[in-house]
Amino acid sequence: MITFEKPKVEDGAAMWELVNNSTLDSNSVYKYIMMCEYFAETCVVAKEDDKLVGFVTAFIPPEKPDAVFIWQVGVDSSQRGKGIASRLLNHLIEREYCQDVRFVEATVTPSNNASQSLFRKLARDHQTECTVTEFFKEELFPGDDHEEELNFRVGPIEK
């Protein structure tokens, strides 16, 4: 059985390990610990028998109190295809802390088909729109190895 809960700082290292064993963009372990400490209300971990098998890191931007910005979604390779990512997002937006959230936003690269599908599915499941717009152009990123980031905006979400 998989449970969904607020992360604890002790979950930060496991989140980092999951990312480093995947194709996700890596961040420092410090970032995950900080998200667990200061943004636990907008982050979710999925656990099976106390083992972290998925997570979402997110925050509510001060300028957009009706939106939650999804920074990263990670699911252990052994758990993919089971709907965990969708369940993580739905768990998050159903929280009391997110009662004023009407939009889910994220940036996604053009080649990230899995994330694009995830946010389009979220829109379908909530019978709402998924709007995709240009956001962070490729030129903003140093080097030649980062694609542009498109903004995916799902909503309005009725609760």
Protein backbone atom coordinates (compact mmCIF):
# COMPACT_ATOMS: atom_id res chain seq x y z
CA MET A 1 0.00 0.00 0.00
CA ILE A 2 1.28 3.45 -0.91
CA THR A 3 0.72 6.37 1.46
CA PHE A 4 0.91 10.08 0.66
CA GLU A 5 2.05 12.57 3.28
CA LYS A 6 3.90 15.77 4.01
CA PRO A 7 7.65 15.28 3.84
CA LYS A 8 9.93 15.47 6.85
CA VAL A 9 13.51 16.77 6.64
CA GLU A 10 14.66 13.16 6.93
CA ASP A 11 12.99 12.51 3.53
CA GLY A 12 15.24 15.02 1.74
CA ALA A 13 18.13 12.60 1.22
CA ALA A 14 15.82 9.91 -0.19
CA MET A 15 14.27 12.44 -2.58
CA TRP A 16 17.76 13.42 -3.74
CA GLU A 17 18.74 9.76 -4.21
CA LEU A 18 15.61 9.06 -6.25
CA VAL A 19 16.47 12.00 -8.53
CA ASN A 20 20.10 10.96 -8.90
CA ASN A 21 18.99 7.47 -9.96
CA SER A 22 16.76 8.89 -12.69
CA THR A 23 16.83 11.22 -15.68
CA LEU A 24 15.44 14.16 -13.67
CA ASP A 25 17.40 17.40 -13.35
CA SER A 26 19.53 17.09 -10.25
CA ASN A 27 19.57 19.64 -7.47
CA SER A 28 21.59 19.65 -4.29
CA VAL A 29 20.50 17.49 -1.37
CA TYR A 30 20.21 20.78 0.50
CA LYS A 31 17.40 21.87 -1.84
CA TYR A 32 15.34 18.80 -0.97
CA ILE A 33 15.94 19.20 2.77
CA MET A 34 14.96 22.89 2.51
CA MET A 35 11.79 22.03 0.59
CA CYS A 36 10.86 19.51 3.29
CA GLU A 37 11.48 22.03 6.06
CA TYR A 38 10.02 25.23 4.62
CA PHE A 39 7.55 24.02 2.00
CA ALA A 40 6.18 20.80 3.55
CA GLU A 41 2.61 22.07 3.10
CA THR A 42 3.12 22.14 -0.67
CA CYS A 43 5.30 19.05 -1.05
CA VAL A 44 4.19 15.42 -0.96
CA VAL A 45 6.03 12.14 -0.56
CA ALA A 46 4.74 8.73 -1.56
CA LYS A 47 5.93 5.82 0.54
CA GLU A 48 5.57 2.07 0.34
CA ASP A 49 6.46 0.32 3.60
CA ASP A 50 8.23 3.50 4.78
CA LYS A 51 10.40 3.56 1.62
CA LEU A 52 10.12 6.76 -0.43
CA VAL A 53 8.90 5.84 -3.93
CA GLY A 54 7.79 9.25 -5.19
CA PHE A 55 7.55 12.93 -4.40
CA VAL A 56 6.44 16.31 -5.61
CA THR A 57 8.15 19.56 -4.63
CA ALA A 58 6.08 22.69 -5.07
CA PHE A 59 5.32 26.13 -3.68
CA ILE A 60 2.69 28.84 -3.89
CA PRO A 61 4.26 31.89 -5.55
CA PRO A 62 3.70 35.06 -3.49
CA GLU A 63 2.50 36.89 -6.61
CA LYS A 64 0.00 34.11 -7.47
CA PRO A 65 -1.76 32.91 -4.31
CA ASP A 66 -4.29 31.01 -6.43
CA ALA A 67 -1.60 28.84 -8.06
CA VAL A 68 0.76 26.13 -6.94
CA PHE A 69 4.00 25.85 -8.91
CA ILE A 70 5.28 22.31 -9.32
CA TRP A 71 9.07 22.34 -9.20
CA GLN A 72 9.67 18.63 -9.61
CA VAL A 73 7.84 15.31 -9.69
CA GLY A 74 9.80 12.12 -9.16
CA VAL A 75 8.66 8.51 -9.13
CA ASP A 76 10.97 5.54 -8.54
CA SER A 77 11.44 3.49 -11.71
CA SER A 78 9.94 0.43 -9.99
CA GLN A 79 6.68 2.33 -9.49
CA ARG A 80 6.20 4.00 -12.88
CA GLY A 81 2.99 3.35 -14.75
CA LYS A 82 0.95 2.99 -11.56
CA GLY A 83 -0.53 6.51 -11.52
CA ILE A 84 1.57 7.67 -8.58
CA ALA A 85 2.51 11.01 -10.15
CA SER A 86 -1.15 11.87 -10.73
CA ARG A 87 -2.05 10.80 -7.22
CA LEU A 88 0.75 12.97 -5.79
CA LEU A 89 -0.59 16.04 -7.62
CA ASN A 90 -4.18 15.37 -6.62
CA HIS A 91 -3.17 14.80 -3.00
CA LEU A 92 -1.43 18.17 -3.04
CA ILE A 93 -4.28 20.20 -4.50
CA GLU A 94 -6.80 18.55 -2.17
CA ARG A 95 -4.93 19.69 0.95
CA GLU A 96 -6.54 22.31 3.15
CA TYR A 97 -3.44 24.48 2.72
CA CYS A 98 -4.19 24.61 -1.02
CA GLN A 99 -7.86 25.46 -0.61
CA ASP A 100 -7.41 28.73 -2.54
CA VAL A 101 -5.39 27.10 -5.33
CA ARG A 102 -7.25 27.13 -8.64
CA PHE A 103 -4.29 26.63 -10.98
CA VAL A 104 -1.38 24.21 -11.17
CA GLU A 105 1.67 25.51 -13.01
CA ALA A 106 4.94 23.92 -14.05
CA THR A 107 7.68 24.41 -16.58
CA VAL A 108 8.37 21.51 -18.90
CA THR A 109 10.90 21.08 -21.69
CA PRO A 110 9.58 20.24 -25.18
CA SER A 111 11.20 16.79 -25.08
CA ASN A 112 9.71 15.80 -21.70
CA ASN A 113 6.71 13.86 -22.97
CA ALA A 114 6.02 12.19 -19.62
CA SER A 115 5.58 15.50 -17.78
CA GLN A 116 3.55 16.97 -20.62
CA SER A 117 1.22 13.96 -20.45
CA LEU A 118 0.99 14.25 -16.66
CA PHE A 119 -0.24 17.84 -16.73
CA ARG A 120 -2.60 17.27 -19.65
CA LYS A 121 -4.06 14.29 -17.74
CA LEU A 122 -4.50 16.49 -14.67
CA ALA A 123 -6.51 18.92 -16.81
CA ARG A 124 -8.65 16.11 -18.24
CA ASP A 125 -9.25 14.59 -14.80
CA HIS A 126 -10.46 17.96 -13.51
CA GLN A 127 -12.33 18.79 -16.72
CA THR A 128 -10.42 22.00 -17.23
CA GLU A 129 -7.87 23.57 -19.55
CA CYS A 130 -4.14 23.00 -19.93
CA THR A 131 -2.59 26.10 -21.48
CA VAL A 132 0.97 25.90 -22.77
CA THR A 133 2.99 29.06 -23.40
CA GLU A 134 6.61 29.99 -23.98
CA PHE A 135 8.33 30.81 -20.72
CA PHE A 136 12.09 30.49 -20.22
CA LYS A 137 13.83 30.64 -23.57
CA GLU A 138 16.86 28.45 -24.25
CA GLU A 139 19.18 31.48 -24.34
CA LEU A 140 18.64 32.06 -20.62
CA PHE A 141 20.51 28.87 -19.74
CA PRO A 142 24.32 28.76 -19.89
CA GLY A 143 25.88 26.22 -22.21
CA ASP A 144 24.16 24.35 -24.99
CA ASP A 145 22.54 21.50 -23.08
CA HIS A 146 19.28 22.95 -21.72
CA GLU A 147 16.11 23.21 -23.75
CA GLU A 148 13.63 26.01 -23.35
CA GLU A 149 11.06 25.61 -20.58
CA LEU A 150 7.39 25.86 -21.54
CA ASN A 151 4.84 26.96 -18.96
CA PHE A 152 2.00 24.50 -18.40
CA ARG A 153 -0.98 26.05 -16.60
CA VAL A 154 -3.84 23.75 -15.59
CA GLY A 155 -7.09 25.29 -14.44
CA PRO A 156 -9.22 26.66 -13.16
CA ILE A 157 -9.66 23.69 -10.87
CA GLU A 158 -13.00 23.44 -9.11
CA LYS A 159 -13.09 21.94 -5.64
